Amino acid sequence: MASPEPPFTIEAQSQGDRFKIDVAGEITYDSGQRLRDFVMKSLTLPARAFVLDLARVPFVDTAGIGILIGLKSSCQSRHKRLILKDLQLPVLQAFATMRLDQIFTLEMTKLPG
C-alpha cells in the first residue's frame, strides 16, 4: 500500500505591490493543480509581483515544473512578475540542471538546505 502524500498547503498575504504565496509540501500534478488555480484567481489582484515562497517545498515533479512554467507565462501575459523564493537545495539543483534558474526569477534570502 502506498504511503499517503504529505499535506499540501497554500497561504497568502499582500505585501505592498507584492502578493506572497507560502507553499508547503511537494508540488506534484495534483497539488500543482491546486496551486495553479489559486494563483490564477489571485492574478486579478493589483499586485505587480507574485512571490511563491518555496522554502517548505522539498520536491517538485515534472508536472509541477510544467505548472510553474505555465504560471510564469500567465503572469507575463498580464504584465506581472512571478518570483520563486527560497528554494530548498534539491529543488534548486533540479532547476539548475534543467536551466530553469535562467528562466525564472529566483529570490534567495536563505541558504538552501
N, C-alpha and C. Protein backbone atom coordinates (compact mmCIF):
# COMPACT_ATOMS: atom_id res chain seq x y z
N MET A 1 0.84 -1.19 0.00
CA MET A 1 0.00 0.00 0.00
C MET A 1 0.88 1.24 0.00
N ALA A 2 0.60 2.17 -0.88
CA ALA A 2 1.38 3.40 -0.99
C ALA A 2 1.14 4.29 0.23
N SER A 3 2.20 4.97 0.64
CA SER A 3 2.05 5.88 1.76
C SER A 3 1.33 7.14 1.29
N PRO A 4 0.55 7.76 2.17
CA PRO A 4 -0.21 8.94 1.75
C PRO A 4 0.74 10.09 1.44
N GLU A 5 0.31 10.92 0.50
CA GLU A 5 1.10 12.09 0.14
C GLU A 5 1.08 13.07 1.32
N PRO A 6 2.24 13.70 1.62
CA PRO A 6 2.24 14.67 2.72
C PRO A 6 1.28 15.81 2.44
N PRO A 7 0.81 16.49 3.49
CA PRO A 7 -0.14 17.58 3.28
C PRO A 7 0.45 18.69 2.42
N PHE A 8 -0.41 19.33 1.66
CA PHE A 8 -0.02 20.44 0.80
C PHE A 8 -0.85 21.64 1.22
N THR A 9 -0.19 22.74 1.54
CA THR A 9 -0.92 23.93 1.98
C THR A 9 -0.48 25.16 1.21
N ILE A 10 -1.41 26.08 1.09
CA ILE A 10 -1.16 27.37 0.44
C ILE A 10 -1.71 28.45 1.36
N GLU A 11 -0.87 29.42 1.69
CA GLU A 11 -1.30 30.58 2.47
C GLU A 11 -0.77 31.81 1.76
N ALA A 12 -1.50 32.90 1.81
CA ALA A 12 -1.09 34.09 1.07
C ALA A 12 -1.35 35.36 1.84
N GLN A 13 -0.58 36.39 1.47
CA GLN A 13 -0.79 37.71 2.05
C GLN A 13 -0.23 38.78 1.12
N SER A 14 -0.89 39.92 1.10
CA SER A 14 -0.40 41.06 0.32
C SER A 14 0.72 41.73 1.07
N GLN A 15 1.73 42.15 0.33
CA GLN A 15 2.86 42.88 0.90
C GLN A 15 3.18 44.03 -0.05
N GLY A 16 2.44 45.11 0.06
CA GLY A 16 2.62 46.25 -0.84
C GLY A 16 2.23 45.87 -2.25
N ASP A 17 3.16 46.03 -3.20
CA ASP A 17 2.86 45.68 -4.59
C ASP A 17 3.19 44.22 -4.90
N ARG A 18 3.46 43.45 -3.85
CA ARG A 18 3.75 42.02 -4.00
C ARG A 18 2.66 41.20 -3.30
N PHE A 19 2.36 40.05 -3.86
CA PHE A 19 1.43 39.10 -3.26
C PHE A 19 2.24 37.85 -2.97
N LYS A 20 2.46 37.56 -1.68
CA LYS A 20 3.31 36.45 -1.27
C LYS A 20 2.46 35.22 -1.02
N ILE A 21 2.84 34.12 -1.65
CA ILE A 21 2.12 32.86 -1.53
C ILE A 21 3.07 31.84 -0.92
N ASP A 22 2.79 31.44 0.32
CA ASP A 22 3.60 30.44 1.02
C ASP A 22 3.07 29.06 0.66
N VAL A 23 3.94 28.23 0.14
CA VAL A 23 3.57 26.89 -0.28
C VAL A 23 4.31 25.89 0.61
N ALA A 24 3.62 24.86 1.06
CA ALA A 24 4.26 23.81 1.87
C ALA A 24 3.83 22.45 1.33
N GLY A 25 4.80 21.56 1.15
CA GLY A 25 4.53 20.22 0.64
C GLY A 25 5.09 20.06 -0.76
N GLU A 26 4.99 18.87 -1.28
CA GLU A 26 5.50 18.56 -2.61
C GLU A 26 4.57 19.13 -3.68
N ILE A 27 5.18 19.68 -4.75
CA ILE A 27 4.38 20.16 -5.87
C ILE A 27 4.39 19.05 -6.93
N THR A 28 3.26 18.36 -7.01
CA THR A 28 3.07 17.26 -7.95
C THR A 28 1.92 17.64 -8.87
N TYR A 29 1.48 16.72 -9.69
CA TYR A 29 0.38 17.03 -10.60
C TYR A 29 -0.85 17.51 -9.82
N ASP A 30 -1.27 16.75 -8.81
CA ASP A 30 -2.50 17.11 -8.07
C ASP A 30 -2.35 18.41 -7.29
N SER A 31 -1.28 18.51 -6.50
CA SER A 31 -1.10 19.72 -5.70
C SER A 31 -0.81 20.92 -6.61
N GLY A 32 -0.12 20.67 -7.71
CA GLY A 32 0.16 21.74 -8.66
C GLY A 32 -1.10 22.33 -9.26
N GLN A 33 -2.11 21.50 -9.49
CA GLN A 33 -3.39 21.99 -10.00
C GLN A 33 -4.02 22.95 -8.99
N ARG A 34 -3.94 22.59 -7.72
CA ARG A 34 -4.48 23.46 -6.67
C ARG A 34 -3.71 24.79 -6.64
N LEU A 35 -2.38 24.70 -6.75
CA LEU A 35 -1.56 25.91 -6.75
C LEU A 35 -1.89 26.78 -7.96
N ARG A 36 -2.00 26.16 -9.13
CA ARG A 36 -2.31 26.90 -10.35
C ARG A 36 -3.66 27.61 -10.20
N ASP A 37 -4.68 26.90 -9.73
CA ASP A 37 -5.99 27.51 -9.56
C ASP A 37 -5.94 28.70 -8.61
N PHE A 38 -5.19 28.54 -7.51
CA PHE A 38 -5.08 29.61 -6.52
C PHE A 38 -4.40 30.84 -7.13
N VAL A 39 -3.28 30.62 -7.82
CA VAL A 39 -2.55 31.75 -8.41
C VAL A 39 -3.38 32.41 -9.51
N MET A 40 -4.03 31.62 -10.35
CA MET A 40 -4.82 32.20 -11.44
C MET A 40 -5.94 33.08 -10.89
N LYS A 41 -6.59 32.66 -9.82
CA LYS A 41 -7.63 33.50 -9.20
C LYS A 41 -7.03 34.77 -8.60
N SER A 42 -5.80 34.66 -8.10
CA SER A 42 -5.13 35.80 -7.45
C SER A 42 -4.63 36.82 -8.45
N LEU A 43 -4.47 36.45 -9.72
CA LEU A 43 -3.92 37.37 -10.71
C LEU A 43 -4.82 38.57 -10.97
N THR A 44 -6.05 38.55 -10.47
CA THR A 44 -6.93 39.71 -10.61
C THR A 44 -6.58 40.80 -9.59
N LEU A 45 -5.76 40.47 -8.61
CA LEU A 45 -5.34 41.45 -7.61
C LEU A 45 -4.42 42.49 -8.24
N PRO A 46 -4.33 43.69 -7.64
CA PRO A 46 -3.50 44.74 -8.22
C PRO A 46 -1.99 44.53 -8.03
N ALA A 47 -1.57 43.50 -7.34
CA ALA A 47 -0.14 43.26 -7.12
C ALA A 47 0.59 43.17 -8.45
N ARG A 48 1.83 43.68 -8.47
CA ARG A 48 2.64 43.62 -9.69
C ARG A 48 3.56 42.41 -9.70
N ALA A 49 3.79 41.82 -8.53
CA ALA A 49 4.65 40.65 -8.44
C ALA A 49 3.99 39.60 -7.56
N PHE A 50 4.09 38.36 -7.98
CA PHE A 50 3.58 37.23 -7.23
C PHE A 50 4.76 36.39 -6.80
N VAL A 51 4.95 36.29 -5.49
CA VAL A 51 6.11 35.61 -4.93
C VAL A 51 5.67 34.26 -4.37
N LEU A 52 6.17 33.19 -4.98
CA LEU A 52 5.91 31.85 -4.45
C LEU A 52 7.05 31.49 -3.52
N ASP A 53 6.77 31.48 -2.22
CA ASP A 53 7.77 31.11 -1.23
C ASP A 53 7.80 29.58 -1.16
N LEU A 54 8.89 29.00 -1.64
CA LEU A 54 9.02 27.55 -1.73
C LEU A 54 9.94 26.97 -0.66
N ALA A 55 10.17 27.71 0.41
CA ALA A 55 11.08 27.26 1.47
C ALA A 55 10.63 25.95 2.11
N ARG A 56 9.33 25.65 2.05
CA ARG A 56 8.81 24.41 2.65
C ARG A 56 8.36 23.41 1.58
N VAL A 57 8.97 23.52 0.40
CA VAL A 57 8.68 22.60 -0.71
C VAL A 57 9.93 21.75 -0.96
N PRO A 58 9.91 20.48 -0.54
CA PRO A 58 11.10 19.64 -0.69
C PRO A 58 11.26 19.01 -2.07
N PHE A 59 10.19 19.04 -2.88
CA PHE A 59 10.21 18.31 -4.16
C PHE A 59 9.21 18.92 -5.12
N VAL A 60 9.61 19.02 -6.39
CA VAL A 60 8.72 19.44 -7.47
C VAL A 60 8.89 18.42 -8.59
N ASP A 61 7.80 17.72 -8.98
CA ASP A 61 7.93 16.75 -10.06
C ASP A 61 7.79 17.45 -11.41
N THR A 62 7.91 16.69 -12.50
CA THR A 62 7.89 17.30 -13.83
C THR A 62 6.55 17.99 -14.11
N ALA A 63 5.46 17.42 -13.63
CA ALA A 63 4.16 18.07 -13.82
C ALA A 63 4.13 19.41 -13.07
N GLY A 64 4.69 19.42 -11.86
CA GLY A 64 4.76 20.65 -11.08
C GLY A 64 5.60 21.71 -11.78
N ILE A 65 6.70 21.29 -12.39
CA ILE A 65 7.55 22.23 -13.13
C ILE A 65 6.76 22.80 -14.31
N GLY A 66 6.03 21.95 -15.00
CA GLY A 66 5.20 22.43 -16.11
C GLY A 66 4.17 23.44 -15.66
N ILE A 67 3.60 23.21 -14.49
CA ILE A 67 2.61 24.14 -13.95
C ILE A 67 3.27 25.47 -13.60
N LEU A 68 4.47 25.43 -13.02
CA LEU A 68 5.18 26.67 -12.69
C LEU A 68 5.52 27.45 -13.96
N ILE A 69 5.92 26.75 -15.02
CA ILE A 69 6.21 27.42 -16.29
C ILE A 69 4.94 28.07 -16.85
N GLY A 70 3.82 27.37 -16.75
CA GLY A 70 2.55 27.94 -17.19
C GLY A 70 2.15 29.16 -16.39
N LEU A 71 2.41 29.13 -15.08
CA LEU A 71 2.10 30.28 -14.23
C LEU A 71 2.97 31.48 -14.60
N LYS A 72 4.23 31.22 -14.90
CA LYS A 72 5.12 32.32 -15.33
C LYS A 72 4.57 32.97 -16.59
N SER A 73 4.15 32.16 -17.53
CA SER A 73 3.58 32.68 -18.78
C SER A 73 2.30 33.48 -18.51
N SER A 74 1.44 32.96 -17.64
CA SER A 74 0.20 33.66 -17.30
C SER A 74 0.48 35.01 -16.64
N CYS A 75 1.47 35.04 -15.77
CA CYS A 75 1.85 36.30 -15.13
C CYS A 75 2.38 37.29 -16.17
N GLN A 76 3.27 36.82 -17.03
CA GLN A 76 3.85 37.70 -18.05
C GLN A 76 2.78 38.29 -18.96
N SER A 77 1.80 37.49 -19.34
CA SER A 77 0.77 37.98 -20.25
C SER A 77 -0.11 39.05 -19.58
N ARG A 78 -0.06 39.12 -18.25
CA ARG A 78 -0.82 40.13 -17.50
C ARG A 78 0.11 41.23 -16.97
N HIS A 79 1.34 41.26 -17.48
CA HIS A 79 2.34 42.26 -17.09
C HIS A 79 2.64 42.21 -15.59
N LYS A 80 2.71 41.00 -15.08
CA LYS A 80 3.05 40.76 -13.67
C LYS A 80 4.27 39.84 -13.63
N ARG A 81 4.99 39.89 -12.52
CA ARG A 81 6.18 39.05 -12.36
C ARG A 81 5.87 37.87 -11.45
N LEU A 82 6.47 36.73 -11.77
CA LEU A 82 6.42 35.57 -10.89
C LEU A 82 7.82 35.36 -10.35
N ILE A 83 7.93 35.35 -9.03
CA ILE A 83 9.23 35.19 -8.36
C ILE A 83 9.15 33.92 -7.53
N LEU A 84 10.16 33.06 -7.65
CA LEU A 84 10.27 31.86 -6.83
C LEU A 84 11.27 32.16 -5.73
N LYS A 85 10.82 32.03 -4.48
CA LYS A 85 11.64 32.44 -3.34
C LYS A 85 12.08 31.24 -2.51
N ASP A 86 13.34 31.27 -2.09
CA ASP A 86 13.92 30.34 -1.11
C ASP A 86 13.68 28.87 -1.43
N LEU A 87 14.16 28.45 -2.60
CA LEU A 87 14.06 27.05 -2.99
C LEU A 87 14.96 26.19 -2.11
N GLN A 88 14.47 25.02 -1.73
CA GLN A 88 15.31 24.06 -1.00
C GLN A 88 16.36 23.53 -1.96
N LEU A 89 17.49 23.04 -1.42
CA LEU A 89 18.62 22.63 -2.24
C LEU A 89 18.26 21.61 -3.33
N PRO A 90 17.50 20.53 -3.03
CA PRO A 90 17.18 19.59 -4.11
C PRO A 90 16.37 20.23 -5.25
N VAL A 91 15.48 21.14 -4.90
CA VAL A 91 14.67 21.81 -5.92
C VAL A 91 15.55 22.77 -6.71
N LEU A 92 16.40 23.51 -6.02
CA LEU A 92 17.31 24.45 -6.68
C LEU A 92 18.26 23.69 -7.63
N GLN A 93 18.77 22.54 -7.19
CA GLN A 93 19.66 21.75 -8.04
C GLN A 93 18.93 21.25 -9.28
N ALA A 94 17.69 20.80 -9.12
CA ALA A 94 16.91 20.34 -10.27
C ALA A 94 16.68 21.50 -11.24
N PHE A 95 16.35 22.67 -10.71
CA PHE A 95 16.13 23.84 -11.57
C PHE A 95 17.41 24.19 -12.32
N ALA A 96 18.55 24.14 -11.64
CA ALA A 96 19.83 24.46 -12.28
C ALA A 96 20.16 23.44 -13.36
N THR A 97 19.92 22.16 -13.09
CA THR A 97 20.19 21.11 -14.07
C THR A 97 19.38 21.32 -15.34
N MET A 98 18.14 21.74 -15.18
CA MET A 98 17.25 21.97 -16.34
C MET A 98 17.36 23.40 -16.87
N ARG A 99 18.25 24.18 -16.28
CA ARG A 99 18.47 25.59 -16.65
C ARG A 99 17.24 26.47 -16.41
N LEU A 100 16.38 26.01 -15.53
CA LEU A 100 15.20 26.81 -15.20
C LEU A 100 15.56 28.02 -14.35
N ASP A 101 16.75 27.97 -13.73
CA ASP A 101 17.21 29.12 -12.96
C ASP A 101 17.50 30.31 -13.86
N GLN A 102 17.59 30.06 -15.18
CA GLN A 102 17.80 31.14 -16.15
C GLN A 102 16.47 31.66 -16.70
N ILE A 103 15.39 30.94 -16.45
CA ILE A 103 14.07 31.33 -16.95
C ILE A 103 13.28 32.05 -15.86
N PHE A 104 13.36 31.52 -14.64
CA PHE A 104 12.60 32.09 -13.52
C PHE A 104 13.43 33.12 -12.78
N THR A 105 12.74 34.07 -12.18
CA THR A 105 13.37 34.99 -11.24
C THR A 105 13.40 34.28 -9.89
N LEU A 106 14.61 34.05 -9.38
CA LEU A 106 14.78 33.40 -8.08
C LEU A 106 15.19 34.44 -7.06
N GLU A 107 14.61 34.35 -5.88
CA GLU A 107 14.94 35.25 -4.78
C GLU A 107 15.34 34.38 -3.61
N MET A 108 16.62 34.38 -3.32
CA MET A 108 17.12 33.53 -2.24
C MET A 108 17.51 34.42 -1.06
N THR A 109 16.72 34.35 0.01
CA THR A 109 17.01 35.12 1.22
C THR A 109 17.59 34.24 2.31
N LYS A 110 17.58 32.90 2.06
CA LYS A 110 18.14 31.93 3.00
C LYS A 110 19.08 31.03 2.23
N LEU A 111 20.07 30.48 2.92
CA LEU A 111 20.92 29.50 2.28
C LEU A 111 20.11 28.23 2.08
N PRO A 112 20.17 27.65 0.86
CA PRO A 112 19.39 26.43 0.65
C PRO A 112 19.93 25.29 1.51
N GLY A 113 19.03 24.52 2.07
CA GLY A 113 19.49 23.44 2.93
C GLY A 113 18.62 22.23 2.81
